[in-house]
Amino acid sequence: MNDKITIYGSTGFVGSNFRKMYDSCIEMQREERKPHSNNILYFISTVDNYNIHDNITLDVDTNLHTLCEVLDHCRSENITFNYISSWFVYGKTPYMPAKEDSVCKPTGFYSVTKYCAEQLIESFAQTYGMKYRIIRLCNVLGSGDQKASKKKNAITWLVNQLKLSHDIDLYDGGIHCRDVLHVTDVCRAIKLIMEKGELNEIYNVGSGKPTSINEIVSLSKHYLKSKSKVNSIDSPKFHSQVQTENFWMDTKKLQSLGFSQSVPLDLIVRDLCL
């Protein structure tokens, strides 16, 4: 064991950016389970709530079964397990901004299994003395997300459609709000939490303020000089079932560690438009 960071899931958008920013990372291969250091950063996860339609066990297999295989090698008080979770675990919580101790009401298989994973980690740590941190990320934006789609990182996908001068549809005119942060700020926040965050705690990572989808789209159209038409449509039934309308986080715990956002919304959008 050494002081380096063992990263599981380093090929995803956030994981790959984190690995590029910090040279203390040990990248784990897809089938590897035993960590190479006592400091673990765990990104492995599905990315949306739609697997229920065509692969009903994928969220359970990826978010829970694989996690348990890794935890099986972490039965030590010397292990610190930093788990990357999602704002999706809050579900349809009625009070904003969502705090780390807010009641979670996840909806959808992705959301439910991410929250279950948090609980498994807490229970495992209580049993074996492993230390942990749970890090809940907001919507992460920035250029270079090659897997953005209607289902995963839809904001980036929408901007990509504007680049192509394709018309786009916004649910309810894009009035709904999200908490967004640039990927470099997200990686900085994760590293800060790993260095200074209390053990056995949950941390929100976000801007701490709401931003409407329409604001992002309007800025993008302006910078791209896009001729795309923006249509307003009703939210599909399934989307309404599994997604909250408006969401943003309370980030006071993160700010107490010394974090401040370095990439404002205007520059986030400019980066998406590159």
Protein backbone atom coordinates (compact mmCIF):
# COMPACT_ATOMS: atom_id res chain seq x y z
CA MET A 1 0.00 0.00 0.00
CA ASN A 2 1.13 3.59 -0.64
CA ASP A 3 -0.18 7.17 -0.63
CA LYS A 4 -1.32 7.18 -4.23
CA ILE A 5 -5.00 7.22 -5.26
CA THR A 6 -6.46 4.02 -6.67
CA ILE A 7 -9.12 5.07 -9.19
CA TYR A 8 -11.91 2.77 -10.25
CA GLY A 9 -13.78 3.98 -13.35
CA SER A 10 -11.19 6.42 -14.64
CA THR A 11 -12.37 6.32 -18.26
CA GLY A 12 -15.59 8.27 -17.70
CA PHE A 13 -15.94 12.02 -18.17
CA VAL A 14 -15.14 13.10 -14.60
CA GLY A 15 -12.75 10.23 -13.85
CA SER A 16 -10.63 10.83 -16.94
CA ASN A 17 -10.41 14.56 -16.20
CA PHE A 18 -9.42 13.87 -12.60
CA ARG A 19 -6.71 11.47 -13.75
CA LYS A 20 -5.32 14.08 -16.16
CA MET A 21 -5.29 16.78 -13.49
CA TYR A 22 -3.55 14.77 -10.76
CA ASP A 23 -0.53 12.54 -11.28
CA SER A 24 -0.95 10.60 -8.03
CA CYS A 25 -3.54 8.30 -9.64
CA ILE A 26 -3.30 4.57 -10.16
CA GLU A 27 -5.70 3.61 -12.93
CA MET A 28 -7.45 0.28 -12.39
CA GLN A 29 -8.24 -1.97 -15.33
CA ARG A 30 -11.88 -2.89 -15.97
CA GLU A 31 -11.74 -6.34 -14.33
CA GLU A 32 -9.40 -5.42 -11.45
CA ARG A 33 -10.95 -5.40 -7.98
CA LYS A 34 -8.10 -5.34 -5.43
CA PRO A 35 -6.86 -1.75 -4.80
CA HIS A 36 -3.19 -0.81 -5.13
CA SER A 37 -3.27 1.83 -2.41
CA ASN A 38 -5.25 2.56 0.75
CA ASN A 39 -6.80 5.71 -0.71
CA ILE A 40 -9.61 4.80 -3.12
CA LEU A 41 -11.61 6.99 -5.49
CA TYR A 42 -14.57 5.10 -6.91
CA PHE A 43 -16.35 6.29 -10.08
CA ILE A 44 -17.79 3.03 -11.46
CA SER A 45 -21.46 3.59 -12.22
CA THR A 46 -24.23 3.53 -14.77
CA VAL A 47 -25.22 7.01 -15.92
CA ASP A 48 -29.00 7.29 -16.32
CA ASN A 49 -32.39 5.95 -15.28
CA TYR A 50 -33.33 4.42 -18.64
CA ASN A 51 -31.77 0.96 -18.34
CA ILE A 52 -35.02 -0.36 -16.90
CA HIS A 53 -36.39 -0.40 -20.45
CA ASP A 54 -33.80 -2.63 -22.12
CA ASN A 55 -31.43 -4.07 -19.47
CA ILE A 56 -33.26 -4.26 -16.19
CA THR A 57 -30.36 -5.71 -14.15
CA LEU A 58 -27.60 -3.39 -15.41
CA ASP A 59 -27.93 -0.79 -12.63
CA VAL A 60 -27.87 -3.49 -9.94
CA ASP A 61 -24.95 -5.35 -11.55
CA THR A 62 -22.86 -2.22 -12.09
CA ASN A 63 -23.73 -0.02 -9.13
CA LEU A 64 -24.08 -2.71 -6.46
CA HIS A 65 -22.58 -6.06 -7.48
CA THR A 66 -19.30 -4.64 -8.79
CA LEU A 67 -19.10 -2.34 -5.76
CA CYS A 68 -19.41 -5.34 -3.42
CA GLU A 69 -16.64 -7.15 -5.30
CA VAL A 70 -14.34 -4.18 -4.65
CA LEU A 71 -15.45 -3.78 -1.02
CA ASP A 72 -14.52 -7.42 -0.48
CA HIS A 73 -10.88 -6.27 -0.69
CA CYS A 74 -11.37 -3.32 1.67
CA ARG A 75 -11.82 -5.02 5.04
CA SER A 76 -9.28 -2.78 6.76
CA GLU A 77 -9.23 0.27 9.01
CA ASN A 78 -6.43 1.61 6.83
CA ILE A 79 -8.67 1.96 3.78
CA THR A 80 -10.37 5.25 2.92
CA PHE A 81 -13.11 4.75 0.33
CA ASN A 82 -14.15 7.93 -1.51
CA TYR A 83 -17.38 7.13 -3.33
CA ILE A 84 -18.64 9.32 -6.16
CA SER A 85 -22.40 9.55 -5.91
CA SER A 86 -24.97 11.78 -7.62
CA TRP A 87 -27.55 14.46 -6.96
CA PHE A 88 -30.04 11.91 -8.31
CA VAL A 89 -30.13 10.21 -4.88
CA TYR A 90 -32.14 13.12 -3.48
CA GLY A 91 -35.00 12.33 -5.84
CA LYS A 92 -38.14 14.39 -5.42
CA THR A 93 -37.10 16.05 -2.18
CA PRO A 94 -39.44 19.04 -1.74
CA TYR A 95 -37.00 21.46 -0.12
CA MET A 96 -34.24 23.35 -1.93
CA PRO A 97 -31.36 23.66 -1.71
CA ALA A 98 -30.82 19.98 -0.90
CA LYS A 99 -28.58 19.46 2.12
CA GLU A 100 -26.44 16.44 2.85
CA ASP A 101 -28.84 15.44 5.63
CA SER A 102 -31.98 15.99 3.54
CA VAL A 103 -34.30 12.99 3.27
CA CYS A 104 -33.52 11.13 0.05
CA LYS A 105 -36.43 9.89 -2.06
CA PRO A 106 -34.76 8.47 -5.17
CA THR A 107 -36.88 7.38 -8.11
CA GLY A 108 -35.65 5.23 -11.00
CA PHE A 109 -33.26 2.27 -10.91
CA TYR A 110 -30.11 4.37 -11.36
CA SER A 111 -31.07 6.74 -8.54
CA VAL A 112 -32.20 3.97 -6.19
CA THR A 113 -29.07 1.85 -6.70
CA LYS A 114 -26.77 4.85 -6.20
CA TYR A 115 -28.45 5.56 -2.87
CA CYS A 116 -28.34 1.87 -1.96
CA ALA A 117 -24.60 1.87 -2.76
CA GLU A 118 -24.09 4.72 -0.29
CA GLN A 119 -25.89 2.71 2.39
CA LEU A 120 -23.90 -0.44 1.62
CA ILE A 121 -20.65 1.49 2.02
CA GLU A 122 -21.78 2.95 5.34
CA SER A 123 -22.81 -0.48 6.63
CA PHE A 124 -19.61 -2.13 5.41
CA ALA A 125 -17.53 0.58 7.08
CA GLN A 126 -19.33 0.09 10.37
CA THR A 127 -18.63 -3.63 10.21
CA TYR A 128 -14.96 -3.56 9.22
CA GLY A 129 -13.71 -0.13 10.32
CA MET A 130 -13.09 1.06 6.75
CA LYS A 131 -13.27 4.84 6.44
CA TYR A 132 -15.32 6.51 3.74
CA ARG A 133 -16.56 9.73 2.21
CA ILE A 134 -19.61 10.03 -0.01
CA ILE A 135 -19.36 12.77 -2.64
CA ARG A 136 -22.60 13.75 -4.39
CA LEU A 137 -22.00 15.53 -7.68
CA CYS A 138 -24.25 18.06 -9.40
CA ASN A 139 -24.62 18.27 -13.21
CA VAL A 140 -21.04 18.26 -14.48
CA LEU A 141 -20.38 20.27 -17.65
CA GLY A 142 -17.41 20.93 -19.90
CA SER A 143 -16.05 20.09 -23.31
CA GLY A 144 -14.90 16.58 -24.15
CA ASP A 145 -17.79 14.44 -22.95
CA GLN A 146 -17.93 12.08 -25.91
CA LYS A 147 -20.81 10.05 -24.47
CA ALA A 148 -23.27 12.90 -23.90
CA SER A 149 -26.76 11.96 -25.10
CA LYS A 150 -30.42 12.67 -24.49
CA LYS A 151 -30.18 10.31 -21.52
CA LYS A 152 -26.76 11.20 -20.13
CA ASN A 153 -25.54 14.80 -19.76
CA ALA A 154 -28.44 16.08 -21.85
CA ILE A 155 -27.34 19.71 -21.48
CA THR A 156 -24.11 19.01 -23.35
CA TRP A 157 -26.05 17.02 -25.93
CA LEU A 158 -28.39 19.98 -26.50
CA VAL A 159 -25.46 22.33 -27.07
CA ASN A 160 -23.96 19.84 -29.52
CA GLN A 161 -27.23 19.89 -31.46
CA LEU A 162 -27.06 23.69 -31.61
CA LYS A 163 -23.54 23.39 -33.07
CA LEU A 164 -25.02 21.28 -35.86
CA SER A 165 -27.85 23.81 -36.40
CA HIS A 166 -30.38 21.14 -35.48
CA ASP A 167 -33.67 22.22 -33.95
CA ILE A 168 -34.03 21.18 -30.31
CA ASP A 169 -36.90 20.43 -27.95
CA LEU A 170 -36.88 21.67 -24.36
CA TYR A 171 -39.17 20.13 -21.80
CA ASP A 172 -41.60 22.84 -20.62
CA GLY A 173 -39.59 25.50 -22.40
CA GLY A 174 -36.44 24.83 -20.37
CA ILE A 175 -37.80 26.52 -17.24
CA HIS A 176 -36.52 23.78 -14.95
CA CYS A 177 -33.37 24.46 -12.94
CA ARG A 178 -30.25 22.44 -12.25
CA ASP A 179 -27.06 22.91 -10.26
CA VAL A 180 -24.17 22.97 -12.73
CA LEU A 181 -20.40 23.11 -12.30
CA HIS A 182 -17.47 22.85 -14.69
CA VAL A 183 -15.64 19.52 -14.69
CA THR A 184 -12.36 21.12 -13.58
CA ASP A 185 -14.07 22.65 -10.55
CA VAL A 186 -15.69 19.30 -9.79
CA CYS A 187 -12.29 17.56 -9.88
CA ARG A 188 -10.80 20.27 -7.66
CA ALA A 189 -13.65 19.80 -5.20
CA ILE A 190 -13.19 16.02 -5.11
CA LYS A 191 -9.46 16.38 -4.45
CA LEU A 192 -10.11 18.95 -1.72
CA ILE A 193 -12.63 16.68 0.00
CA MET A 194 -10.16 13.79 -0.15
CA GLU A 195 -7.49 15.97 1.43
CA LYS A 196 -9.47 17.97 3.99
CA GLY A 197 -12.95 16.48 4.24
CA GLU A 198 -14.09 14.78 7.43
CA LEU A 199 -14.14 11.00 7.33
CA ASN A 200 -17.43 9.10 7.29
CA GLU A 201 -19.28 12.15 5.96
CA ILE A 202 -21.32 13.15 2.92
CA TYR A 203 -20.37 16.17 0.79
CA ASN A 204 -22.36 17.96 -1.90
CA VAL A 205 -20.35 19.21 -4.87
CA GLY A 206 -22.06 21.95 -6.87
CA SER A 207 -22.35 25.66 -7.46
CA GLY A 208 -24.98 26.01 -4.75
CA LYS A 209 -27.36 27.91 -7.00
CA PRO A 210 -30.06 27.12 -9.58
CA THR A 211 -29.52 27.65 -13.29
CA SER A 212 -32.33 27.18 -15.80
CA ILE A 213 -31.84 24.95 -18.84
CA ASN A 214 -33.19 27.78 -20.98
CA GLU A 215 -30.49 30.16 -19.74
CA ILE A 216 -27.76 27.74 -20.81
CA VAL A 217 -29.39 27.13 -24.19
CA SER A 218 -29.89 30.85 -24.81
CA LEU A 219 -26.26 31.65 -24.00
CA SER A 220 -25.11 28.79 -26.21
CA LYS A 221 -27.22 29.99 -29.13
CA HIS A 222 -25.73 33.46 -28.71
CA TYR A 223 -22.09 32.29 -28.68
CA LEU A 224 -22.60 29.82 -31.51
CA LYS A 225 -24.74 32.22 -33.55
CA SER A 226 -26.89 29.16 -34.06
CA LYS A 227 -29.95 29.28 -36.31
CA SER A 228 -31.51 26.31 -34.55
CA LYS A 229 -35.15 26.57 -33.55
CA VAL A 230 -35.91 25.90 -29.88
CA ASN A 231 -39.26 24.23 -29.31
CA SER A 232 -41.13 23.79 -26.04
CA ILE A 233 -42.66 20.35 -25.45
CA ASP A 234 -44.31 18.60 -22.54
CA SER A 235 -42.14 16.38 -20.36
CA PRO A 236 -42.61 12.68 -21.21
CA LYS A 237 -44.37 10.66 -18.52
CA PHE A 238 -41.30 8.56 -17.61
CA HIS A 239 -39.07 11.63 -17.36
CA SER A 240 -41.57 13.27 -15.03
CA GLN A 241 -41.67 10.11 -12.92
CA VAL A 242 -37.93 9.84 -12.35
CA GLN A 243 -36.74 13.47 -12.49
CA THR A 244 -37.32 16.35 -10.13
CA GLU A 245 -38.37 19.59 -11.83
CA ASN A 246 -35.94 21.94 -10.07
CA PHE A 247 -32.80 21.06 -8.15
CA TRP A 248 -29.80 22.70 -6.58
CA MET A 249 -27.54 21.88 -3.64
CA ASP A 250 -26.53 23.39 -0.35
CA THR A 251 -22.72 23.48 -0.59
CA LYS A 252 -21.80 25.09 2.73
CA LYS A 253 -19.88 21.99 3.87
CA LEU A 254 -17.75 22.10 0.72
CA GLN A 255 -17.21 25.84 1.04
CA SER A 256 -16.09 25.36 4.66
CA LEU A 257 -13.11 23.40 3.30
CA GLY A 258 -12.07 26.47 1.29
CA PHE A 259 -13.70 25.67 -2.04
CA SER A 260 -14.96 28.38 -4.38
CA GLN A 261 -16.17 28.11 -7.96
CA SER A 262 -13.50 29.23 -10.43
CA VAL A 263 -15.35 28.75 -13.73
CA PRO A 264 -18.52 30.90 -13.86
CA LEU A 265 -21.55 29.97 -15.93
CA ASP A 266 -20.56 32.19 -18.84
CA LEU A 267 -17.21 30.40 -19.22
CA ILE A 268 -18.84 26.99 -18.73
CA VAL A 269 -21.12 27.70 -21.68
CA ARG A 270 -18.26 29.08 -23.77
CA ASP A 271 -16.33 25.86 -23.13
CA LEU A 272 -19.33 23.76 -24.19
CA CYS A 273 -19.50 25.77 -27.41
CA LEU A 274 -15.91 25.01 -28.45
